[in-house]
Amino acid sequence: MSKPFKIAQSVLVVIYTPALEVLLIRRADTQDTEFWQSVTGSKDDEAHSFEETAIREVQEETGIDCAHGTPLHAGLQDWHLENVYDIYARWLHRYAPGTVLNTERVFGLQVPQGTPVTLSPREHTAFQWLPYRQAAEQCFSPSNAEAILLLPRFAAAQGHGVPA
């Protein structure tokens, strides 16, 4: 039985603390040991919202529960930004033939300092919390780095203090 094609609609979730430390996770499916990124993932179904996808991906990849009704849900913010980019050649086989572009919706998730992280070992091999500028420098993906650099603006817009 063949695996269904991935949907070319995904989320990027920048998880951060009030001190603007950003969680980065290292991918397991690449030989590059420095392939650091924020939480990302595709919709499982076209009918699913980007928010539902963000909640699911955060839970699957980090063990952090930000579903409706949880204390962390209030920290989930849709930044109303979308990146459209070319799917990397090494991953094109996961998509339907002729699919070459992905639309990525950007979210932020503020969590308390010390929030535990439990990685999915089939997806990620390590995690680290870094000050946002340093996190942006570590990212493999330019759109991920750009989103992280926007963090102070979005954190301030949500009423979260921005450290000096």
N, C-alpha and C. Protein backbone atom coordinates (compact mmCIF):
# COMPACT_ATOMS: atom_id res chain seq x y z
N MET A 1 0.85 -1.18 0.00
CA MET A 1 0.00 0.00 0.00
C MET A 1 0.89 1.24 0.00
N SER A 2 0.69 2.12 -0.94
CA SER A 2 1.54 3.30 -1.03
C SER A 2 1.03 4.40 -0.10
N LYS A 3 1.95 5.19 0.35
CA LYS A 3 1.65 6.31 1.24
C LYS A 3 1.02 7.44 0.42
N PRO A 4 -0.01 8.11 0.96
CA PRO A 4 -0.62 9.21 0.20
C PRO A 4 0.37 10.37 0.04
N PHE A 5 0.18 11.14 -1.01
CA PHE A 5 1.04 12.29 -1.24
C PHE A 5 0.82 13.34 -0.16
N LYS A 6 1.87 14.06 0.16
CA LYS A 6 1.77 15.18 1.10
C LYS A 6 0.97 16.30 0.45
N ILE A 7 0.28 17.06 1.29
CA ILE A 7 -0.45 18.24 0.85
C ILE A 7 0.53 19.40 0.90
N ALA A 8 0.57 20.20 -0.14
CA ALA A 8 1.55 21.30 -0.24
C ALA A 8 1.06 22.56 0.48
N GLN A 9 0.51 22.35 1.66
CA GLN A 9 0.11 23.42 2.56
C GLN A 9 0.62 23.02 3.94
N SER A 10 1.45 23.88 4.53
CA SER A 10 2.08 23.51 5.79
C SER A 10 2.09 24.68 6.76
N VAL A 11 2.57 24.39 7.96
CA VAL A 11 2.72 25.42 8.99
C VAL A 11 4.18 25.48 9.43
N LEU A 12 4.54 26.64 9.91
CA LEU A 12 5.81 26.88 10.60
C LEU A 12 5.41 27.49 11.93
N VAL A 13 5.83 26.88 13.03
CA VAL A 13 5.48 27.38 14.36
C VAL A 13 6.76 27.74 15.10
N VAL A 14 6.93 29.04 15.38
CA VAL A 14 8.06 29.52 16.16
C VAL A 14 7.65 29.45 17.63
N ILE A 15 8.25 28.53 18.37
CA ILE A 15 7.97 28.37 19.79
C ILE A 15 9.00 29.17 20.55
N TYR A 16 8.52 30.01 21.49
CA TYR A 16 9.42 30.93 22.19
C TYR A 16 8.97 31.17 23.62
N THR A 17 9.91 31.64 24.44
CA THR A 17 9.64 31.99 25.84
C THR A 17 9.44 33.50 25.95
N PRO A 18 8.97 33.98 27.11
CA PRO A 18 8.83 35.43 27.29
C PRO A 18 10.15 36.19 27.10
N ALA A 19 11.28 35.51 27.32
CA ALA A 19 12.59 36.14 27.12
C ALA A 19 13.05 36.08 25.67
N LEU A 20 12.16 35.64 24.78
CA LEU A 20 12.43 35.50 23.34
C LEU A 20 13.54 34.50 23.05
N GLU A 21 13.58 33.44 23.84
CA GLU A 21 14.41 32.29 23.50
C GLU A 21 13.55 31.38 22.63
N VAL A 22 14.13 30.90 21.56
CA VAL A 22 13.39 30.13 20.54
C VAL A 22 13.83 28.67 20.60
N LEU A 23 12.84 27.79 20.50
CA LEU A 23 13.10 26.36 20.43
C LEU A 23 13.46 25.98 19.00
N LEU A 24 14.62 25.35 18.83
CA LEU A 24 15.01 24.78 17.54
C LEU A 24 15.15 23.28 17.71
N ILE A 25 14.75 22.53 16.67
CA ILE A 25 14.84 21.09 16.69
C ILE A 25 15.62 20.63 15.45
N ARG A 26 16.40 19.57 15.62
CA ARG A 26 17.24 19.07 14.52
C ARG A 26 16.56 17.89 13.85
N ARG A 27 16.42 17.98 12.53
CA ARG A 27 15.75 16.94 11.74
C ARG A 27 16.53 15.63 11.78
N ALA A 28 15.78 14.53 11.79
CA ALA A 28 16.40 13.20 11.78
C ALA A 28 16.60 12.67 10.37
N ASP A 29 15.87 13.21 9.38
CA ASP A 29 15.90 12.62 8.03
C ASP A 29 16.90 13.30 7.10
N THR A 30 17.92 13.88 7.66
CA THR A 30 18.94 14.51 6.82
C THR A 30 20.32 14.15 7.36
N GLN A 31 21.28 14.12 6.49
CA GLN A 31 22.66 13.83 6.90
C GLN A 31 23.32 15.05 7.53
N ASP A 32 22.73 16.21 7.31
CA ASP A 32 23.29 17.45 7.83
C ASP A 32 22.98 17.57 9.32
N THR A 33 24.00 17.41 10.16
CA THR A 33 23.79 17.45 11.61
C THR A 33 23.45 18.85 12.10
N GLU A 34 23.56 19.82 11.23
CA GLU A 34 23.23 21.20 11.62
C GLU A 34 21.94 21.68 10.97
N PHE A 35 21.03 20.77 10.68
CA PHE A 35 19.75 21.11 10.05
C PHE A 35 18.75 21.44 11.17
N TRP A 36 18.84 22.67 11.67
CA TRP A 36 17.98 23.13 12.76
C TRP A 36 16.80 23.89 12.19
N GLN A 37 15.65 23.74 12.85
CA GLN A 37 14.44 24.41 12.39
C GLN A 37 13.44 24.55 13.53
N SER A 38 12.40 25.32 13.27
CA SER A 38 11.25 25.38 14.16
C SER A 38 10.32 24.21 13.79
N VAL A 39 9.21 24.09 14.50
CA VAL A 39 8.23 23.06 14.18
C VAL A 39 7.64 23.37 12.80
N THR A 40 7.58 22.36 11.95
CA THR A 40 6.97 22.49 10.63
C THR A 40 6.17 21.23 10.34
N GLY A 41 5.23 21.34 9.43
CA GLY A 41 4.50 20.15 9.02
C GLY A 41 3.34 20.48 8.12
N SER A 42 2.98 19.50 7.33
CA SER A 42 1.91 19.66 6.34
C SER A 42 0.55 19.28 6.92
N LYS A 43 -0.47 19.84 6.29
CA LYS A 43 -1.84 19.43 6.61
C LYS A 43 -1.98 17.94 6.32
N ASP A 44 -2.77 17.25 7.13
CA ASP A 44 -3.10 15.84 6.87
C ASP A 44 -4.28 15.73 5.93
N ASP A 45 -5.08 16.79 5.86
CA ASP A 45 -6.30 16.79 5.06
C ASP A 45 -6.55 18.23 4.62
N GLU A 46 -6.96 18.41 3.38
CA GLU A 46 -7.22 19.77 2.85
C GLU A 46 -8.23 20.52 3.71
N ALA A 47 -9.17 19.80 4.34
CA ALA A 47 -10.22 20.44 5.14
C ALA A 47 -9.72 20.94 6.49
N HIS A 48 -8.56 20.47 6.92
CA HIS A 48 -8.03 20.92 8.21
C HIS A 48 -7.55 22.36 8.10
N SER A 49 -7.77 23.11 9.17
CA SER A 49 -7.30 24.50 9.19
C SER A 49 -5.80 24.52 9.47
N PHE A 50 -5.19 25.66 9.17
CA PHE A 50 -3.78 25.83 9.51
C PHE A 50 -3.60 25.76 11.03
N GLU A 51 -4.54 26.31 11.79
CA GLU A 51 -4.43 26.27 13.26
C GLU A 51 -4.47 24.83 13.76
N GLU A 52 -5.39 24.02 13.24
CA GLU A 52 -5.44 22.60 13.64
C GLU A 52 -4.12 21.91 13.32
N THR A 53 -3.56 22.24 12.17
CA THR A 53 -2.29 21.64 11.76
C THR A 53 -1.17 22.08 12.70
N ALA A 54 -1.15 23.36 13.06
CA ALA A 54 -0.12 23.86 13.98
C ALA A 54 -0.21 23.15 15.33
N ILE A 55 -1.41 23.03 15.87
CA ILE A 55 -1.60 22.35 17.17
C ILE A 55 -1.11 20.91 17.09
N ARG A 56 -1.49 20.21 16.03
CA ARG A 56 -1.08 18.80 15.87
C ARG A 56 0.43 18.66 15.73
N GLU A 57 1.02 19.50 14.88
CA GLU A 57 2.47 19.39 14.65
C GLU A 57 3.28 19.72 15.91
N VAL A 58 2.86 20.74 16.65
CA VAL A 58 3.56 21.07 17.90
C VAL A 58 3.51 19.87 18.85
N GLN A 59 2.34 19.25 18.98
CA GLN A 59 2.20 18.08 19.86
C GLN A 59 3.06 16.92 19.38
N GLU A 60 2.99 16.62 18.07
CA GLU A 60 3.73 15.48 17.53
C GLU A 60 5.24 15.67 17.64
N GLU A 61 5.73 16.87 17.34
CA GLU A 61 7.17 17.08 17.25
C GLU A 61 7.83 17.44 18.58
N THR A 62 7.08 18.02 19.51
CA THR A 62 7.71 18.49 20.76
C THR A 62 7.05 17.96 22.03
N GLY A 63 5.86 17.38 21.89
CA GLY A 63 5.12 16.94 23.07
C GLY A 63 4.41 18.07 23.80
N ILE A 64 4.51 19.29 23.28
CA ILE A 64 3.86 20.45 23.91
C ILE A 64 2.41 20.49 23.45
N ASP A 65 1.49 20.54 24.40
CA ASP A 65 0.07 20.53 24.09
C ASP A 65 -0.49 21.95 24.15
N CYS A 66 -0.87 22.48 22.99
CA CYS A 66 -1.44 23.83 22.92
C CYS A 66 -2.84 23.79 22.31
N ALA A 67 -3.52 22.65 22.49
CA ALA A 67 -4.86 22.49 21.94
C ALA A 67 -5.85 23.41 22.63
N HIS A 68 -6.99 23.61 21.99
CA HIS A 68 -8.07 24.39 22.60
C HIS A 68 -8.35 23.81 23.99
N GLY A 69 -8.55 24.68 24.97
CA GLY A 69 -8.86 24.24 26.32
C GLY A 69 -7.65 24.00 27.20
N THR A 70 -6.44 24.06 26.62
CA THR A 70 -5.24 23.90 27.44
C THR A 70 -4.71 25.28 27.84
N PRO A 71 -3.93 25.35 28.91
CA PRO A 71 -3.38 26.65 29.32
C PRO A 71 -2.50 27.31 28.26
N LEU A 72 -1.84 26.52 27.42
CA LEU A 72 -0.93 27.09 26.43
C LEU A 72 -1.62 27.59 25.17
N HIS A 73 -2.90 27.25 24.99
CA HIS A 73 -3.58 27.66 23.76
C HIS A 73 -3.59 29.18 23.58
N ALA A 74 -3.71 29.92 24.66
CA ALA A 74 -3.73 31.40 24.56
C ALA A 74 -2.43 31.94 23.98
N GLY A 75 -1.34 31.18 24.09
CA GLY A 75 -0.05 31.61 23.56
C GLY A 75 0.14 31.35 22.09
N LEU A 76 -0.81 30.65 21.45
CA LEU A 76 -0.70 30.34 20.03
C LEU A 76 -1.25 31.51 19.22
N GLN A 77 -0.42 32.06 18.34
CA GLN A 77 -0.83 33.21 17.53
C GLN A 77 -0.59 32.92 16.06
N ASP A 78 -1.64 33.16 15.27
CA ASP A 78 -1.50 33.11 13.82
C ASP A 78 -0.93 34.46 13.41
N TRP A 79 0.25 34.46 12.82
CA TRP A 79 0.90 35.71 12.44
C TRP A 79 0.37 36.24 11.11
N HIS A 80 -0.54 35.51 10.48
CA HIS A 80 -1.15 35.93 9.21
C HIS A 80 -0.09 36.22 8.14
N LEU A 81 0.95 35.41 8.15
CA LEU A 81 2.01 35.47 7.14
C LEU A 81 2.01 34.14 6.41
N GLU A 82 2.21 34.20 5.10
CA GLU A 82 2.37 32.97 4.33
C GLU A 82 3.59 33.09 3.44
N ASN A 83 4.36 32.03 3.43
CA ASN A 83 5.51 31.91 2.54
C ASN A 83 5.16 30.90 1.47
N VAL A 84 5.44 31.23 0.22
CA VAL A 84 5.29 30.27 -0.87
C VAL A 84 6.70 30.03 -1.40
N TYR A 85 7.10 28.78 -1.38
CA TYR A 85 8.48 28.48 -1.78
C TYR A 85 8.55 27.19 -2.59
N ASP A 86 9.66 27.04 -3.31
CA ASP A 86 9.93 25.82 -4.06
C ASP A 86 10.21 24.69 -3.07
N ILE A 87 9.58 23.56 -3.29
CA ILE A 87 9.85 22.38 -2.47
C ILE A 87 11.25 21.88 -2.83
N TYR A 88 12.06 21.61 -1.81
CA TYR A 88 13.42 21.12 -2.06
C TYR A 88 13.36 19.83 -2.88
N ALA A 89 14.26 19.72 -3.84
CA ALA A 89 14.28 18.58 -4.77
C ALA A 89 14.30 17.24 -4.02
N ARG A 90 15.01 17.17 -2.91
CA ARG A 90 15.12 15.90 -2.18
C ARG A 90 13.79 15.43 -1.60
N TRP A 91 12.79 16.33 -1.53
CA TRP A 91 11.49 15.97 -0.95
C TRP A 91 10.35 16.00 -1.98
N LEU A 92 10.64 16.29 -3.24
CA LEU A 92 9.58 16.34 -4.25
C LEU A 92 8.82 15.02 -4.41
N HIS A 93 9.49 13.91 -4.20
CA HIS A 93 8.85 12.59 -4.35
C HIS A 93 7.70 12.39 -3.36
N ARG A 94 7.64 13.19 -2.31
CA ARG A 94 6.57 13.06 -1.31
C ARG A 94 5.26 13.69 -1.78
N TYR A 95 5.33 14.50 -2.84
CA TYR A 95 4.17 15.26 -3.32
C TYR A 95 3.68 14.69 -4.64
N ALA A 96 2.43 15.02 -4.97
CA ALA A 96 1.86 14.57 -6.25
C ALA A 96 2.72 15.08 -7.40
N PRO A 97 2.81 14.30 -8.48
CA PRO A 97 3.58 14.74 -9.64
C PRO A 97 3.16 16.14 -10.09
N GLY A 98 4.14 16.97 -10.39
CA GLY A 98 3.88 18.33 -10.84
C GLY A 98 3.77 19.35 -9.72
N THR A 99 3.71 18.89 -8.47
CA THR A 99 3.64 19.82 -7.33
C THR A 99 5.05 20.28 -7.00
N VAL A 100 5.29 21.57 -7.13
CA VAL A 100 6.64 22.09 -6.89
C VAL A 100 6.66 23.23 -5.88
N LEU A 101 5.48 23.78 -5.53
CA LEU A 101 5.42 24.89 -4.58
C LEU A 101 4.65 24.49 -3.33
N ASN A 102 5.08 25.02 -2.19
CA ASN A 102 4.40 24.80 -0.92
C ASN A 102 4.01 26.15 -0.34
N THR A 103 2.82 26.21 0.27
CA THR A 103 2.39 27.40 0.99
C THR A 103 2.49 27.10 2.48
N GLU A 104 3.25 27.93 3.18
CA GLU A 104 3.53 27.74 4.60
C GLU A 104 2.93 28.89 5.40
N ARG A 105 2.08 28.60 6.37
CA ARG A 105 1.46 29.61 7.24
C ARG A 105 2.29 29.68 8.51
N VAL A 106 2.58 30.91 8.99
CA VAL A 106 3.46 31.11 10.13
C VAL A 106 2.66 31.41 11.40
N PHE A 107 3.02 30.71 12.46
CA PHE A 107 2.44 30.89 13.79
C PHE A 107 3.55 31.11 14.80
N GLY A 108 3.19 31.72 15.92
CA GLY A 108 4.06 31.81 17.08
C GLY A 108 3.37 31.10 18.23
N LEU A 109 4.16 30.54 19.14
CA LEU A 109 3.62 29.92 20.34
C LEU A 109 4.51 30.31 21.51
N GLN A 110 3.96 31.16 22.38
CA GLN A 110 4.72 31.51 23.58
C GLN A 110 4.43 30.47 24.66
N VAL A 111 5.52 29.97 25.25
CA VAL A 111 5.42 28.98 26.34
C VAL A 111 6.25 29.48 27.51
N PRO A 112 5.93 29.04 28.72
CA PRO A 112 6.73 29.45 29.88
C PRO A 112 8.16 28.91 29.79
N GLN A 113 9.08 29.67 30.38
CA GLN A 113 10.47 29.21 30.52
C GLN A 113 10.44 27.83 31.18
N GLY A 114 11.24 26.90 30.70
CA GLY A 114 11.31 25.58 31.31
C GLY A 114 10.25 24.59 30.83
N THR A 115 9.48 24.97 29.83
CA THR A 115 8.48 24.04 29.29
C THR A 115 9.20 22.78 28.79
N PRO A 116 8.77 21.60 29.26
CA PRO A 116 9.44 20.38 28.82
C PRO A 116 9.20 20.08 27.34
N VAL A 117 10.21 19.51 26.70
CA VAL A 117 10.15 19.14 25.29
C VAL A 117 10.41 17.64 25.19
N THR A 118 9.52 16.95 24.49
CA THR A 118 9.70 15.52 24.23
C THR A 118 9.65 15.34 22.72
N LEU A 119 10.82 15.05 22.13
CA LEU A 119 10.91 14.93 20.68
C LEU A 119 10.37 13.60 20.19
N SER A 120 9.88 13.61 18.96
CA SER A 120 9.54 12.39 18.25
C SER A 120 10.83 11.91 17.60
N PRO A 121 11.43 10.80 18.07
CA PRO A 121 12.75 10.39 17.57
C PRO A 121 12.78 10.06 16.08
N ARG A 122 11.65 9.71 15.49
CA ARG A 122 11.67 9.43 14.05
C ARG A 122 11.76 10.73 13.25
N GLU A 123 11.43 11.88 13.87
CA GLU A 123 11.45 13.16 13.18
C GLU A 123 12.63 14.05 13.57
N HIS A 124 13.03 14.01 14.85
CA HIS A 124 14.06 14.94 15.34
C HIS A 124 14.98 14.26 16.33
N THR A 125 16.24 14.70 16.33
CA THR A 125 17.25 14.05 17.16
C THR A 125 17.75 14.90 18.32
N ALA A 126 17.48 16.21 18.31
CA ALA A 126 17.97 17.08 19.38
C ALA A 126 17.16 18.38 19.38
N PHE A 127 17.22 19.09 20.51
CA PHE A 127 16.60 20.40 20.58
C PHE A 127 17.49 21.34 21.37
N GLN A 128 17.28 22.61 21.15
CA GLN A 128 18.00 23.63 21.91
C GLN A 128 17.14 24.89 21.98
N TRP A 129 17.31 25.65 23.06
CA TRP A 129 16.67 26.96 23.22
C TRP A 129 17.77 28.00 23.02
N LEU A 130 17.54 28.95 22.13
CA LEU A 130 18.54 29.98 21.83
C LEU A 130 17.89 31.35 21.81
N PRO A 131 18.64 32.42 22.16
CA PRO A 131 18.12 33.77 21.95
C PRO A 131 17.73 33.92 20.47
N TYR A 132 16.67 34.69 20.22
CA TYR A 132 16.07 34.67 18.88
C TYR A 132 17.04 34.98 17.75
N ARG A 133 17.94 35.93 17.92
CA ARG A 133 18.87 36.24 16.82
C ARG A 133 19.79 35.05 16.52
N GLN A 134 20.29 34.42 17.58
CA GLN A 134 21.16 33.26 17.41
C GLN A 134 20.38 32.10 16.79
N ALA A 135 19.12 31.94 17.19
CA ALA A 135 18.29 30.89 16.60
C ALA A 135 18.12 31.12 15.10
N ALA A 136 17.88 32.35 14.71
CA ALA A 136 17.71 32.66 13.28
C ALA A 136 18.97 32.29 12.50
N GLU A 137 20.13 32.55 13.08
CA GLU A 137 21.40 32.23 12.41
C GLU A 137 21.59 30.72 12.24
N GLN A 138 21.01 29.92 13.13
CA GLN A 138 21.17 28.47 13.09
C GLN A 138 20.23 27.78 12.11
N CYS A 139 19.17 28.46 11.67
CA CYS A 139 18.14 27.82 10.84
C CYS A 139 18.65 27.49 9.45
N PHE A 140 18.25 26.32 8.98
CA PHE A 140 18.55 25.89 7.62
C PHE A 140 17.72 26.69 6.61
N SER A 141 16.45 26.90 6.96
CA SER A 141 15.50 27.50 6.03
C SER A 141 15.50 29.03 6.14
N PRO A 142 15.66 29.73 5.02
CA PRO A 142 15.60 31.19 5.05
C PRO A 142 14.26 31.73 5.55
N SER A 143 13.14 31.08 5.19
CA SER A 143 11.84 31.57 5.65
C SER A 143 11.70 31.37 7.16
N ASN A 144 12.29 30.31 7.70
CA ASN A 144 12.26 30.08 9.14
C ASN A 144 13.08 31.15 9.86
N ALA A 145 14.27 31.44 9.34
CA ALA A 145 15.12 32.48 9.94
C ALA A 145 14.41 33.83 9.91
N GLU A 146 13.78 34.15 8.79
CA GLU A 146 13.06 35.42 8.67
C GLU A 146 11.92 35.51 9.68
N ALA A 147 11.18 34.43 9.86
CA ALA A 147 10.08 34.42 10.83
C ALA A 147 10.60 34.67 12.24
N ILE A 148 11.70 34.02 12.58
CA ILE A 148 12.27 34.20 13.92
C ILE A 148 12.70 35.65 14.13
N LEU A 149 13.28 36.27 13.10
CA LEU A 149 13.70 37.67 13.24
C LEU A 149 12.50 38.61 13.41
N LEU A 150 11.31 38.19 13.00
CA LEU A 150 10.10 38.99 13.20
C LEU A 150 9.51 38.81 14.60
N LEU A 151 10.04 37.87 15.37
CA LEU A 151 9.48 37.54 16.68
C LEU A 151 9.26 38.75 17.59
N PRO A 152 10.24 39.65 17.77
CA PRO A 152 9.98 40.77 18.69
C PRO A 152 8.74 41.58 18.32
N ARG A 153 8.53 41.79 17.03
CA ARG A 153 7.37 42.55 16.58
C ARG A 153 6.07 41.84 16.92
N PHE A 154 6.00 40.54 16.66
CA PHE A 154 4.77 39.80 16.93
C PHE A 154 4.56 39.59 18.42
N ALA A 155 5.62 39.37 19.17
CA ALA A 155 5.48 39.23 20.62
C ALA A 155 4.96 40.53 21.23
N ALA A 156 5.47 41.66 20.77
CA ALA A 156 5.01 42.96 21.27
C ALA A 156 3.55 43.20 20.89
N ALA A 157 3.17 42.81 19.69
CA ALA A 157 1.79 42.99 19.24
C ALA A 157 0.82 42.16 20.06
N GLN A 158 1.29 41.06 20.61
CA GLN A 158 0.46 40.20 21.45
C GLN A 158 0.48 40.65 22.91
N GLY A 159 1.20 41.75 23.19
CA GLY A 159 1.25 42.25 24.56
C GLY A 159 2.29 41.57 25.42
N HIS A 160 3.15 40.80 24.80
CA HIS A 160 4.22 40.14 25.55
C HIS A 160 5.41 41.10 25.59
N GLY A 161 6.01 41.21 26.74
CA GLY A 161 7.16 42.09 26.88
C GLY A 161 8.31 41.65 26.01
N VAL A 162 9.04 42.61 25.52
CA VAL A 162 10.21 42.32 24.70
C VAL A 162 11.43 42.74 25.50
N PRO A 163 12.35 41.80 25.78
CA PRO A 163 13.53 42.16 26.56
C PRO A 163 14.41 43.15 25.81
N ALA A 164 15.13 43.94 26.57
CA ALA A 164 16.03 44.94 25.97
C ALA A 164 17.20 44.28 25.30
